[in-house]
């Protein structure tokens, strides 16, 4: 264990007084239909899927007949519920479209009222969208709209297929989208084309997130909104190892240096780990000590109509004063 030779002189952040639960029931292109018995039944566009959900410990509300309407069922392999294979029971196209609306009242400088995402079944149970992030996307658009003095700059780290990046770009932000997967970057570019946002300012960068952020700090770059959505474990384009508990603290310190002096915000989302939202709240308070501002931490969840809320991830959001 590494301990400092001298006591820390950093300003103590305010203590955590409460944690939040942020729920969504989805949007026109997505719905959680039911959950229970370790599964969840969802609709992505016109396609209904049955996927594992270990935290759905309760009994499902709907009967077998409703669950049998799924186009495809994912069966997990071993202890890792993300690995396994799809059983396709009804015709499913190679890819299909799901539209994510931009909230009424949001800035739509490019005239778009939604972005179009392509969903696919490609081995893992992920389909190309994490719909539980919808409240974060709307929060991000509010933060972008609050930047009045210059063009907002958004950095989307571990950006996957680009839903947040394209929503930010449609709102007029200059977006830097980073991911370590060539497939994800290519998928994101396709989503940009299908969204008719070719004129949007999006830099698609294939790189190791930690290396890129460190370089941006040395360059003196800043961003008004930073989205951090890291995996539990991963590898960079050149085999760089990412381990959440080992690397996240130093990584977030670098991210803190990239936040613009004013009108800035950051959101951290953490998935699929045995941990507490309190731990990540306090980590963010530590790396942002002295910046002031407000924190909101807790869990994201999706709720089916008349059913229970399915917890999906932990989060911390920070906004400057």
C-alpha atoms as a PDB file:
ATOM      1  CA  UNK A   1       0.000   0.000   0.000  1.00  0.00           C
ATOM      2  CA  UNK A   2       1.362   3.421  -0.967  1.00  0.00           C
ATOM      3  CA  UNK A   3       1.147   6.070   1.749  1.00  0.00           C
ATOM      4  CA  UNK A   4       2.258   9.702   1.370  1.00  0.00           C
ATOM      5  CA  UNK A   5       5.342  10.738   3.334  1.00  0.00           C
ATOM      6  CA  UNK A   6       3.473  13.801   4.551  1.00  0.00           C
ATOM      7  CA  UNK A   7      -0.197  14.314   5.405  1.00  0.00           C
ATOM      8  CA  UNK A   8      -2.305  15.456   2.463  1.00  0.00           C
ATOM      9  CA  UNK A   9      -2.797  19.199   2.255  1.00  0.00           C
ATOM     10  CA  UNK A  10      -5.693  19.008  -0.184  1.00  0.00           C
ATOM     11  CA  UNK A  11      -8.895  20.774   0.737  1.00  0.00           C
ATOM     12  CA  UNK A  12     -11.340  18.380   2.357  1.00  0.00           C
ATOM     13  CA  UNK A  13     -14.428  17.970   0.196  1.00  0.00           C
ATOM     14  CA  UNK A  14     -17.910  18.172   1.714  1.00  0.00           C
ATOM     15  CA  UNK A  15     -19.136  14.830   3.086  1.00  0.00           C
ATOM     16  CA  UNK A  16     -21.647  12.694   1.243  1.00  0.00           C
ATOM     17  CA  UNK A  17     -25.064  13.321   2.808  1.00  0.00           C
ATOM     18  CA  UNK A  18     -27.262  11.162   0.598  1.00  0.00           C
ATOM     19  CA  UNK A  19     -27.261   8.942  -2.479  1.00  0.00           C
ATOM     20  CA  UNK A  20     -29.696   9.126  -5.391  1.00  0.00           C
ATOM     21  CA  UNK A  21     -31.697   6.692  -7.466  1.00  0.00           C
ATOM     22  CA  UNK A  22     -32.167   7.893 -11.035  1.00  0.00           C
ATOM     23  CA  UNK A  23     -34.714   5.884 -12.984  1.00  0.00           C
ATOM     24  CA  UNK A  24     -35.815   5.824 -16.597  1.00  0.00           C
ATOM     25  CA  UNK A  25     -38.682   3.979 -18.221  1.00  0.00           C
ATOM     26  CA  UNK A  26     -36.884   4.271 -21.544  1.00  0.00           C
ATOM     27  CA  UNK A  27     -37.852   6.242 -24.629  1.00  0.00           C
ATOM     28  CA  UNK A  28     -39.767   5.631 -27.840  1.00  0.00           C
ATOM     29  CA  UNK A  29     -37.070   3.349 -29.228  1.00  0.00           C
ATOM     30  CA  UNK A  30     -36.518   1.289 -26.083  1.00  0.00           C
ATOM     31  CA  UNK A  31     -38.571  -0.253 -23.269  1.00  0.00           C
ATOM     32  CA  UNK A  32     -37.996  -2.677 -20.437  1.00  0.00           C
ATOM     33  CA  UNK A  33     -41.051  -4.930 -20.757  1.00  0.00           C
ATOM     34  CA  UNK A  34     -40.543  -7.173 -17.725  1.00  0.00           C
ATOM     35  CA  UNK A  35     -37.867  -8.557 -15.419  1.00  0.00           C
ATOM     36  CA  UNK A  36     -37.457 -11.372 -12.937  1.00  0.00           C
ATOM     37  CA  UNK A  37     -35.954 -14.798 -12.283  1.00  0.00           C
ATOM     38  CA  UNK A  38     -32.540 -13.411 -13.273  1.00  0.00           C
ATOM     39  CA  UNK A  39     -33.702 -12.206 -16.721  1.00  0.00           C
ATOM     40  CA  UNK A  40     -34.992  -9.059 -18.410  1.00  0.00           C
ATOM     41  CA  UNK A  41     -37.316  -8.742 -21.411  1.00  0.00           C
ATOM     42  CA  UNK A  42     -36.588  -5.642 -23.520  1.00  0.00           C
ATOM     43  CA  UNK A  43     -37.615  -3.982 -26.753  1.00  0.00           C
ATOM     44  CA  UNK A  44     -34.939  -2.312 -28.880  1.00  0.00           C
ATOM     45  CA  UNK A  45     -36.792  -0.644 -31.739  1.00  0.00           C
ATOM     46  CA  UNK A  46     -38.980  -3.427 -33.154  1.00  0.00           C
ATOM     47  CA  UNK A  47     -36.892  -6.307 -31.768  1.00  0.00           C
ATOM     48  CA  UNK A  48     -37.666  -7.946 -28.413  1.00  0.00           C
ATOM     49  CA  UNK A  49     -34.817  -9.701 -26.587  1.00  0.00           C
ATOM     50  CA  UNK A  50     -34.525 -11.837 -23.458  1.00  0.00           C
ATOM     51  CA  UNK A  51     -31.196 -11.271 -21.690  1.00  0.00           C
ATOM     52  CA  UNK A  52     -29.625 -12.284 -18.343  1.00  0.00           C
ATOM     53  CA  UNK A  53     -30.004  -9.881 -15.406  1.00  0.00           C
ATOM     54  CA  UNK A  54     -28.507 -11.414 -12.245  1.00  0.00           C
ATOM     55  CA  UNK A  55     -29.890  -8.636 -10.033  1.00  0.00           C
ATOM     56  CA  UNK A  56     -33.510  -9.341 -11.035  1.00  0.00           C
ATOM     57  CA  UNK A  57     -34.062 -11.544  -7.998  1.00  0.00           C
ATOM     58  CA  UNK A  58     -37.839 -11.160  -7.928  1.00  0.00           C
ATOM     59  CA  UNK A  59     -40.592 -12.989  -9.778  1.00  0.00           C
ATOM     60  CA  UNK A  60     -41.463 -11.847 -13.298  1.00  0.00           C
ATOM     61  CA  UNK A  61     -44.831 -10.076 -13.627  1.00  0.00           C
ATOM     62  CA  UNK A  62     -45.736 -11.352 -17.093  1.00  0.00           C
ATOM     63  CA  UNK A  63     -46.427 -14.953 -18.063  1.00  0.00           C
ATOM     64  CA  UNK A  64     -44.529 -17.327 -20.308  1.00  0.00           C
ATOM     65  CA  UNK A  65     -46.626 -16.334 -23.326  1.00  0.00           C
ATOM     66  CA  UNK A  66     -45.308 -12.758 -23.196  1.00  0.00           C
ATOM     67  CA  UNK A  67     -41.706 -13.845 -22.703  1.00  0.00           C
ATOM     68  CA  UNK A  68     -42.085 -16.265 -25.636  1.00  0.00           C
ATOM     69  CA  UNK A  69     -42.600 -13.241 -27.923  1.00  0.00           C
ATOM     70  CA  UNK A  70     -38.867 -12.497 -27.765  1.00  0.00           C
ATOM     71  CA  UNK A  71     -37.110 -12.566 -31.115  1.00  0.00           C
ATOM     72  CA  UNK A  72     -33.901 -13.794 -29.491  1.00  0.00           C
ATOM     73  CA  UNK A  73     -32.715 -15.198 -26.149  1.00  0.00           C
ATOM     74  CA  UNK A  74     -29.173 -14.849 -24.811  1.00  0.00           C
ATOM     75  CA  UNK A  75     -27.772 -17.788 -22.840  1.00  0.00           C
ATOM     76  CA  UNK A  76     -24.797 -17.004 -20.623  1.00  0.00           C
ATOM     77  CA  UNK A  77     -21.698 -19.162 -20.625  1.00  0.00           C
ATOM     78  CA  UNK A  78     -20.189 -19.864 -17.206  1.00  0.00           C
ATOM     79  CA  UNK A  79     -20.025 -17.172 -14.538  1.00  0.00           C
ATOM     80  CA  UNK A  80     -19.618 -14.288 -16.981  1.00  0.00           C
ATOM     81  CA  UNK A  81     -23.169 -13.379 -17.984  1.00  0.00           C
ATOM     82  CA  UNK A  82     -21.893 -11.227 -20.862  1.00  0.00           C
ATOM     83  CA  UNK A  83     -20.348 -14.220 -22.629  1.00  0.00           C
ATOM     84  CA  UNK A  84     -22.465 -16.848 -24.290  1.00  0.00           C
ATOM     85  CA  UNK A  85     -24.581 -17.063 -27.416  1.00  0.00           C
ATOM     86  CA  UNK A  86     -27.848 -15.894 -28.910  1.00  0.00           C
ATOM     87  CA  UNK A  87     -30.688 -18.243 -29.784  1.00  0.00           C
ATOM     88  CA  UNK A  88     -32.709 -16.562 -32.520  1.00  0.00           C
ATOM     89  CA  UNK A  89     -36.351 -17.707 -32.461  1.00  0.00           C
ATOM     90  CA  UNK A  90     -37.815 -15.140 -34.860  1.00  0.00           C
ATOM     91  CA  UNK A  91     -36.286 -13.320 -37.806  1.00  0.00           C
ATOM     92  CA  UNK A  92     -33.792 -10.641 -36.740  1.00  0.00           C
ATOM     93  CA  UNK A  93     -31.969  -8.435 -39.278  1.00  0.00           C
ATOM     94  CA  UNK A  94     -28.205  -8.151 -39.188  1.00  0.00           C
ATOM     95  CA  UNK A  95     -28.685  -4.595 -37.918  1.00  0.00           C
ATOM     96  CA  UNK A  96     -31.713  -2.466 -37.124  1.00  0.00           C
ATOM     97  CA  UNK A  97     -32.303   1.156 -36.140  1.00  0.00           C
ATOM     98  CA  UNK A  98     -33.199   2.632 -32.759  1.00  0.00           C
ATOM     99  CA  UNK A  99     -33.836   6.366 -32.454  1.00  0.00           C
ATOM    100  CA  UNK A 100     -32.837   8.253 -29.313  1.00  0.00           C
ATOM    101  CA  UNK A 101     -34.807  11.501 -28.967  1.00  0.00           C
ATOM    102  CA  UNK A 102     -33.256  14.793 -27.971  1.00  0.00           C
ATOM    103  CA  UNK A 103     -35.321  16.223 -25.124  1.00  0.00           C
ATOM    104  CA  UNK A 104     -37.692  19.077 -26.023  1.00  0.00           C
ATOM    105  CA  UNK A 105     -36.116  22.407 -25.228  1.00  0.00           C
ATOM    106  CA  UNK A 106     -32.562  21.169 -25.767  1.00  0.00           C
ATOM    107  CA  UNK A 107     -30.322  23.065 -28.146  1.00  0.00           C
ATOM    108  CA  UNK A 108     -30.554  21.457 -31.583  1.00  0.00           C
ATOM    109  CA  UNK A 109     -28.084  23.509 -33.561  1.00  0.00           C
ATOM    110  CA  UNK A 110     -27.955  20.956 -36.387  1.00  0.00           C
ATOM    111  CA  UNK A 111     -31.740  20.640 -36.571  1.00  0.00           C
ATOM    112  CA  UNK A 112     -31.835  16.998 -35.426  1.00  0.00           C
ATOM    113  CA  UNK A 113     -34.582  15.896 -33.032  1.00  0.00           C
ATOM    114  CA  UNK A 114     -33.028  12.444 -32.504  1.00  0.00           C
ATOM    115  CA  UNK A 115     -29.965  10.375 -33.279  1.00  0.00           C
ATOM    116  CA  UNK A 116     -30.149   6.976 -34.953  1.00  0.00           C
ATOM    117  CA  UNK A 117     -28.245   4.037 -33.498  1.00  0.00           C
ATOM    118  CA  UNK A 118     -27.710   0.687 -35.178  1.00  0.00           C
ATOM    119  CA  UNK A 119     -28.298  -2.352 -32.970  1.00  0.00           C
ATOM    120  CA  UNK A 120     -26.643  -5.705 -33.677  1.00  0.00           C
ATOM    121  CA  UNK A 121     -26.207  -9.123 -32.126  1.00  0.00           C
ATOM    122  CA  UNK A 122     -22.472  -9.643 -32.311  1.00  0.00           C
ATOM    123  CA  UNK A 123     -21.420 -12.327 -29.851  1.00  0.00           C
ATOM    124  CA  UNK A 124     -21.792 -10.522 -26.541  1.00  0.00           C
ATOM    125  CA  UNK A 125     -25.175  -9.673 -25.125  1.00  0.00           C
ATOM    126  CA  UNK A 126     -24.607  -5.945 -25.719  1.00  0.00           C
ATOM    127  CA  UNK A 127     -26.571  -4.621 -28.697  1.00  0.00           C
ATOM    128  CA  UNK A 128     -24.928  -1.231 -29.261  1.00  0.00           C
ATOM    129  CA  UNK A 129     -26.847   0.963 -26.791  1.00  0.00           C
ATOM    130  CA  UNK A 130     -26.949   1.252 -23.015  1.00  0.00           C
ATOM    131  CA  UNK A 131     -30.462   2.731 -22.637  1.00  0.00           C
ATOM    132  CA  UNK A 132     -30.166   3.204 -18.876  1.00  0.00           C
ATOM    133  CA  UNK A 133     -27.775   6.057 -19.709  1.00  0.00           C
ATOM    134  CA  UNK A 134     -30.651   8.128 -21.133  1.00  0.00           C
ATOM    135  CA  UNK A 135     -30.934  10.335 -17.992  1.00  0.00           C
ATOM    136  CA  UNK A 136     -27.187  11.015 -18.180  1.00  0.00           C
ATOM    137  CA  UNK A 137     -27.512  12.012 -21.838  1.00  0.00           C
ATOM    138  CA  UNK A 138     -30.270  14.493 -21.020  1.00  0.00           C
ATOM    139  CA  UNK A 139     -28.215  15.856 -18.113  1.00  0.00           C
ATOM    140  CA  UNK A 140     -25.263  16.227 -20.497  1.00  0.00           C
ATOM    141  CA  UNK A 141     -27.394  18.219 -22.940  1.00  0.00           C
ATOM    142  CA  UNK A 142     -28.416  20.558 -20.121  1.00  0.00           C
ATOM    143  CA  UNK A 143     -24.769  21.085 -19.217  1.00  0.00           C
ATOM    144  CA  UNK A 144     -23.900  21.782 -22.861  1.00  0.00           C
ATOM    145  CA  UNK A 145     -26.698  24.335 -23.101  1.00  0.00           C
ATOM    146  CA  UNK A 146     -25.348  26.125 -20.008  1.00  0.00           C
ATOM    147  CA  UNK A 147     -22.042  26.961 -21.741  1.00  0.00           C
ATOM    148  CA  UNK A 148     -22.666  30.421 -23.171  1.00  0.00           C
ATOM    149  CA  UNK A 149     -19.233  31.996 -23.626  1.00  0.00           C
ATOM    150  CA  UNK A 150     -17.803  29.619 -26.261  1.00  0.00           C
ATOM    151  CA  UNK A 151     -18.513  26.446 -28.215  1.00  0.00           C
ATOM    152  CA  UNK A 152     -18.897  23.613 -25.673  1.00  0.00           C
ATOM    153  CA  UNK A 153     -16.203  20.941 -25.776  1.00  0.00           C
ATOM    154  CA  UNK A 154     -17.159  17.383 -24.819  1.00  0.00           C
ATOM    155  CA  UNK A 155     -14.816  14.452 -24.157  1.00  0.00           C
ATOM    156  CA  UNK A 156     -16.461  11.010 -24.239  1.00  0.00           C
ATOM    157  CA  UNK A 157     -14.064   8.407 -22.819  1.00  0.00           C
ATOM    158  CA  UNK A 158     -14.718   4.693 -23.382  1.00  0.00           C
ATOM    159  CA  UNK A 159     -17.378   6.025 -25.755  1.00  0.00           C
ATOM    160  CA  UNK A 160     -18.459   2.698 -27.315  1.00  0.00           C
ATOM    161  CA  UNK A 161     -20.739   3.247 -30.359  1.00  0.00           C
ATOM    162  CA  UNK A 162     -21.260   6.952 -29.803  1.00  0.00           C
ATOM    163  CA  UNK A 163     -24.792   7.629 -28.535  1.00  0.00           C
ATOM    164  CA  UNK A 164     -23.646  10.344 -26.120  1.00  0.00           C
ATOM    165  CA  UNK A 165     -21.165  11.738 -28.651  1.00  0.00           C
ATOM    166  CA  UNK A 166     -23.781  12.116 -31.372  1.00  0.00           C
ATOM    167  CA  UNK A 167     -26.335  13.670 -29.016  1.00  0.00           C
ATOM    168  CA  UNK A 168     -23.703  16.178 -27.892  1.00  0.00           C
ATOM    169  CA  UNK A 169     -22.679  16.926 -31.478  1.00  0.00           C
ATOM    170  CA  UNK A 170     -26.315  17.421 -32.514  1.00  0.00           C
ATOM    171  CA  UNK A 171     -26.528  20.029 -29.751  1.00  0.00           C
ATOM    172  CA  UNK A 172     -23.624  21.951 -31.286  1.00  0.00           C
ATOM    173  CA  UNK A 173     -20.708  20.731 -29.172  1.00  0.00           C
ATOM    174  CA  UNK A 174     -17.216  19.958 -30.427  1.00  0.00           C
ATOM    175  CA  UNK A 175     -16.898  16.300 -29.455  1.00  0.00           C
ATOM    176  CA  UNK A 176     -13.868  14.085 -28.911  1.00  0.00           C
ATOM    177  CA  UNK A 177     -14.937  10.439 -28.840  1.00  0.00           C
ATOM    178  CA  UNK A 178     -12.390   7.883 -27.670  1.00  0.00           C
ATOM    179  CA  UNK A 179     -12.523   4.105 -27.581  1.00  0.00           C
ATOM    180  CA  UNK A 180      -9.947   1.308 -27.718  1.00  0.00           C
ATOM    181  CA  UNK A 181     -12.019  -0.827 -30.113  1.00  0.00           C
ATOM    182  CA  UNK A 182     -11.764  -0.417 -33.887  1.00  0.00           C
ATOM    183  CA  UNK A 183     -15.149  -2.120 -34.216  1.00  0.00           C
ATOM    184  CA  UNK A 184     -16.785   0.381 -31.837  1.00  0.00           C
ATOM    185  CA  UNK A 185     -15.258   3.352 -33.663  1.00  0.00           C
ATOM    186  CA  UNK A 186     -16.441   2.040 -37.044  1.00  0.00           C
ATOM    187  CA  UNK A 187     -19.892   1.376 -35.575  1.00  0.00           C
ATOM    188  CA  UNK A 188     -20.001   4.927 -34.227  1.00  0.00           C
ATOM    189  CA  UNK A 189     -19.164   6.374 -37.634  1.00  0.00           C
ATOM    190  CA  UNK A 190     -22.014   4.352 -39.126  1.00  0.00           C
ATOM    191  CA  UNK A 191     -24.348   5.761 -36.490  1.00  0.00           C
ATOM    192  CA  UNK A 192     -23.209   9.260 -37.398  1.00  0.00           C
ATOM    193  CA  UNK A 193     -24.063   8.629 -41.055  1.00  0.00           C
ATOM    194  CA  UNK A 194     -27.470   7.100 -40.258  1.00  0.00           C
ATOM    195  CA  UNK A 195     -28.190  10.076 -37.988  1.00  0.00           C
ATOM    196  CA  UNK A 196     -27.430  12.431 -40.910  1.00  0.00           C
ATOM    197  CA  UNK A 197     -24.871  14.219 -38.757  1.00  0.00           C
ATOM    198  CA  UNK A 198     -21.975  14.147 -41.201  1.00  0.00           C
ATOM    199  CA  UNK A 199     -21.491  17.890 -40.625  1.00  0.00           C
ATOM    200  CA  UNK A 200     -21.231  17.452 -36.846  1.00  0.00           C
ATOM    201  CA  UNK A 201     -17.882  18.059 -35.200  1.00  0.00           C
ATOM    202  CA  UNK A 202     -16.872  14.641 -33.886  1.00  0.00           C
ATOM    203  CA  UNK A 203     -13.272  13.421 -33.627  1.00  0.00           C
ATOM    204  CA  UNK A 204     -13.271   9.615 -33.563  1.00  0.00           C
ATOM    205  CA  UNK A 205     -10.082   8.530 -31.796  1.00  0.00           C
ATOM    206  CA  UNK A 206      -8.779   4.972 -31.410  1.00  0.00           C
ATOM    207  CA  UNK A 207      -6.441   5.048 -28.417  1.00  0.00           C
ATOM    208  CA  UNK A 208      -5.767   3.919 -24.891  1.00  0.00           C
ATOM    209  CA  UNK A 209      -7.819   6.213 -22.648  1.00  0.00           C
ATOM    210  CA  UNK A 210      -5.173   6.675 -19.947  1.00  0.00           C
ATOM    211  CA  UNK A 211      -2.446   7.541 -22.463  1.00  0.00           C
ATOM    212  CA  UNK A 212      -4.703   9.949 -24.350  1.00  0.00           C
ATOM    213  CA  UNK A 213      -5.863  11.783 -21.227  1.00  0.00           C
ATOM    214  CA  UNK A 214      -2.281  12.135 -19.984  1.00  0.00           C
ATOM    215  CA  UNK A 215      -1.256  13.658 -23.341  1.00  0.00           C
ATOM    216  CA  UNK A 216      -4.198  16.067 -23.256  1.00  0.00           C
ATOM    217  CA  UNK A 217      -3.107  17.236 -19.808  1.00  0.00           C
ATOM    218  CA  UNK A 218       0.402  17.936 -21.125  1.00  0.00           C
ATOM    219  CA  UNK A 219      -1.106  19.822 -24.073  1.00  0.00           C
ATOM    220  CA  UNK A 220      -3.120  22.023 -21.735  1.00  0.00           C
ATOM    221  CA  UNK A 221      -6.459  21.025 -23.292  1.00  0.00           C
ATOM    222  CA  UNK A 222      -9.734  21.519 -21.421  1.00  0.00           C
ATOM    223  CA  UNK A 223     -13.316  20.321 -21.849  1.00  0.00           C
ATOM    224  CA  UNK A 224     -16.631  21.558 -20.512  1.00  0.00           C
ATOM    225  CA  UNK A 225     -18.164  18.084 -20.207  1.00  0.00           C
ATOM    226  CA  UNK A 226     -16.279  14.827 -19.617  1.00  0.00           C
ATOM    227  CA  UNK A 227     -18.017  11.451 -19.682  1.00  0.00           C
ATOM    228  CA  UNK A 228     -16.133   8.535 -18.099  1.00  0.00           C
ATOM    229  CA  UNK A 229     -17.707   5.112 -18.664  1.00  0.00           C
ATOM    230  CA  UNK A 230     -14.928   2.586 -18.001  1.00  0.00           C
ATOM    231  CA  UNK A 231     -15.129  -1.208 -18.077  1.00  0.00           C
ATOM    232  CA  UNK A 232     -14.199  -3.318 -15.081  1.00  0.00           C
ATOM    233  CA  UNK A 233     -11.303  -4.728 -17.096  1.00  0.00           C
ATOM    234  CA  UNK A 234     -10.118  -4.058 -20.629  1.00  0.00           C
ATOM    235  CA  UNK A 235      -7.238  -3.682 -23.036  1.00  0.00           C
ATOM    236  CA  UNK A 236      -6.087  -0.780 -25.180  1.00  0.00           C
ATOM    237  CA  UNK A 237      -5.324  -0.959 -28.913  1.00  0.00           C
ATOM    238  CA  UNK A 238      -1.742  -2.035 -28.195  1.00  0.00           C
ATOM    239  CA  UNK A 239      -2.581  -4.437 -25.380  1.00  0.00           C
ATOM    240  CA  UNK A 240      -2.493  -1.850 -22.587  1.00  0.00           C
ATOM    241  CA  UNK A 241      -4.186  -3.250 -19.487  1.00  0.00           C
ATOM    242  CA  UNK A 242      -7.037  -1.424 -17.768  1.00  0.00           C
ATOM    243  CA  UNK A 243      -8.113  -2.505 -14.283  1.00  0.00           C
ATOM    244  CA  UNK A 244     -10.781  -0.318 -12.715  1.00  0.00           C
ATOM    245  CA  UNK A 245      -9.694  -0.501  -9.085  1.00  0.00           C
ATOM    246  CA  UNK A 246      -5.997  -0.153  -9.916  1.00  0.00           C
ATOM    247  CA  UNK A 247      -6.110   2.602 -12.522  1.00  0.00           C
ATOM    248  CA  UNK A 248      -9.251   4.670 -11.945  1.00  0.00           C
ATOM    249  CA  UNK A 249      -7.975   6.996  -9.163  1.00  0.00           C
ATOM    250  CA  UNK A 250      -4.968   8.316 -11.130  1.00  0.00           C
ATOM    251  CA  UNK A 251      -7.032   8.404 -14.318  1.00  0.00           C
ATOM    252  CA  UNK A 252      -9.702  10.579 -12.708  1.00  0.00           C
ATOM    253  CA  UNK A 253      -7.033  12.951 -11.393  1.00  0.00           C
ATOM    254  CA  UNK A 254      -5.923  13.522 -14.981  1.00  0.00           C
ATOM    255  CA  UNK A 255      -9.553  13.989 -16.051  1.00  0.00           C
ATOM    256  CA  UNK A 256      -9.955  16.621 -13.316  1.00  0.00           C
ATOM    257  CA  UNK A 257      -7.063  18.580 -14.861  1.00  0.00           C
ATOM    258  CA  UNK A 258      -8.917  18.569 -18.201  1.00  0.00           C
ATOM    259  CA  UNK A 259     -12.055  20.228 -16.838  1.00  0.00           C
ATOM    260  CA  UNK A 260     -12.502  23.828 -17.990  1.00  0.00           C
ATOM    261  CA  UNK A 261     -12.089  26.449 -15.234  1.00  0.00           C
ATOM    262  CA  UNK A 262     -15.765  27.413 -15.509  1.00  0.00           C
ATOM    263  CA  UNK A 263     -19.035  25.870 -16.717  1.00  0.00           C
ATOM    264  CA  UNK A 264     -17.650  22.350 -16.500  1.00  0.00           C
ATOM    265  CA  UNK A 265     -19.040  18.989 -15.441  1.00  0.00           C
ATOM    266  CA  UNK A 266     -18.097  15.326 -15.333  1.00  0.00           C
ATOM    267  CA  UNK A 267     -20.021  12.077 -14.999  1.00  0.00           C
ATOM    268  CA  UNK A 268     -18.551   8.716 -13.995  1.00  0.00           C
ATOM    269  CA  UNK A 269     -20.547   5.533 -14.607  1.00  0.00           C
ATOM    270  CA  UNK A 270     -19.394   2.147 -13.321  1.00  0.00           C
ATOM    271  CA  UNK A 271     -20.892  -1.224 -14.315  1.00  0.00           C
ATOM    272  CA  UNK A 272     -20.836  -4.850 -13.287  1.00  0.00           C
ATOM    273  CA  UNK A 273     -18.703  -4.722 -10.166  1.00  0.00           C
ATOM    274  CA  UNK A 274     -19.116  -5.549  -6.505  1.00  0.00           C
ATOM    275  CA  UNK A 275     -18.712  -2.064  -5.101  1.00  0.00           C
ATOM    276  CA  UNK A 276     -20.558   0.846  -3.553  1.00  0.00           C
ATOM    277  CA  UNK A 277     -21.665   4.114  -5.116  1.00  0.00           C
ATOM    278  CA  UNK A 278     -20.367   5.733  -1.912  1.00  0.00           C
ATOM    279  CA  UNK A 279     -16.824   4.616  -2.790  1.00  0.00           C
ATOM    280  CA  UNK A 280     -16.902   6.262  -6.209  1.00  0.00           C
ATOM    281  CA  UNK A 281     -18.613   9.363  -4.830  1.00  0.00           C
ATOM    282  CA  UNK A 282     -15.785   9.832  -2.352  1.00  0.00           C
ATOM    283  CA  UNK A 283     -13.120   9.163  -4.988  1.00  0.00           C
ATOM    284  CA  UNK A 284     -14.587  11.906  -7.202  1.00  0.00           C
ATOM    285  CA  UNK A 285     -14.797  14.276  -4.237  1.00  0.00           C
ATOM    286  CA  UNK A 286     -11.138  13.576  -3.548  1.00  0.00           C
ATOM    287  CA  UNK A 287      -9.851  14.233  -7.070  1.00  0.00           C
ATOM    288  CA  UNK A 288     -12.045  17.348  -7.406  1.00  0.00           C
ATOM    289  CA  UNK A 289     -11.265  18.755  -3.965  1.00  0.00           C
ATOM    290  CA  UNK A 290     -10.847  22.512  -4.137  1.00  0.00           C
ATOM    291  CA  UNK A 291     -13.035  22.882  -7.225  1.00  0.00           C
ATOM    292  CA  UNK A 292     -16.252  23.484  -5.289  1.00  0.00           C
ATOM    293  CA  UNK A 293     -19.361  22.626  -7.257  1.00  0.00           C
ATOM    294  CA  UNK A 294     -22.001  20.011  -6.534  1.00  0.00           C
ATOM    295  CA  UNK A 295     -22.002  16.214  -6.506  1.00  0.00           C
ATOM    296  CA  UNK A 296     -24.787  13.752  -7.150  1.00  0.00           C
ATOM    297  CA  UNK A 297     -24.074  10.037  -6.713  1.00  0.00           C
ATOM    298  CA  UNK A 298     -26.100   6.871  -6.617  1.00  0.00           C
ATOM    299  CA  UNK A 299     -27.508   4.234  -8.947  1.00  0.00           C
ATOM    300  CA  UNK A 300     -29.066   4.200 -12.393  1.00  0.00           C
ATOM    301  CA  UNK A 301     -32.043   1.915 -12.926  1.00  0.00           C
ATOM    302  CA  UNK A 302     -34.641   1.025 -15.543  1.00  0.00           C
ATOM    303  CA  UNK A 303     -38.242   0.350 -14.527  1.00  0.00           C
ATOM    304  CA  UNK A 304     -40.838  -1.656 -16.421  1.00  0.00           C
ATOM    305  CA  UNK A 305     -44.427  -0.360 -16.337  1.00  0.00           C
ATOM    306  CA  UNK A 306     -45.980  -1.637 -13.113  1.00  0.00           C
ATOM    307  CA  UNK A 307     -42.823  -3.586 -12.271  1.00  0.00           C
ATOM    308  CA  UNK A 308     -39.662  -3.333 -10.246  1.00  0.00           C
ATOM    309  CA  UNK A 309     -36.673  -1.147 -11.098  1.00  0.00           C
ATOM    310  CA  UNK A 310     -33.638  -3.054 -12.398  1.00  0.00           C
ATOM    311  CA  UNK A 311     -30.371  -1.573 -11.050  1.00  0.00           C
ATOM    312  CA  UNK A 312     -27.833  -1.173 -13.843  1.00  0.00           C
ATOM    313  CA  UNK A 313     -24.853   0.887 -12.708  1.00  0.00           C
ATOM    314  CA  UNK A 314     -23.322   3.242 -10.171  1.00  0.00           C
ATOM    315  CA  UNK A 315     -22.682   6.884 -10.963  1.00  0.00           C
ATOM    316  CA  UNK A 316     -21.258  10.169  -9.729  1.00  0.00           C
ATOM    317  CA  UNK A 317     -22.041  13.485 -11.429  1.00  0.00           C
ATOM    318  CA  UNK A 318     -20.200  16.712 -10.680  1.00  0.00           C
ATOM    319  CA  UNK A 319     -21.031  20.228 -11.801  1.00  0.00           C
ATOM    320  CA  UNK A 320     -18.870  23.284 -11.218  1.00  0.00           C
ATOM    321  CA  UNK A 321     -20.190  26.227  -9.240  1.00  0.00           C
END
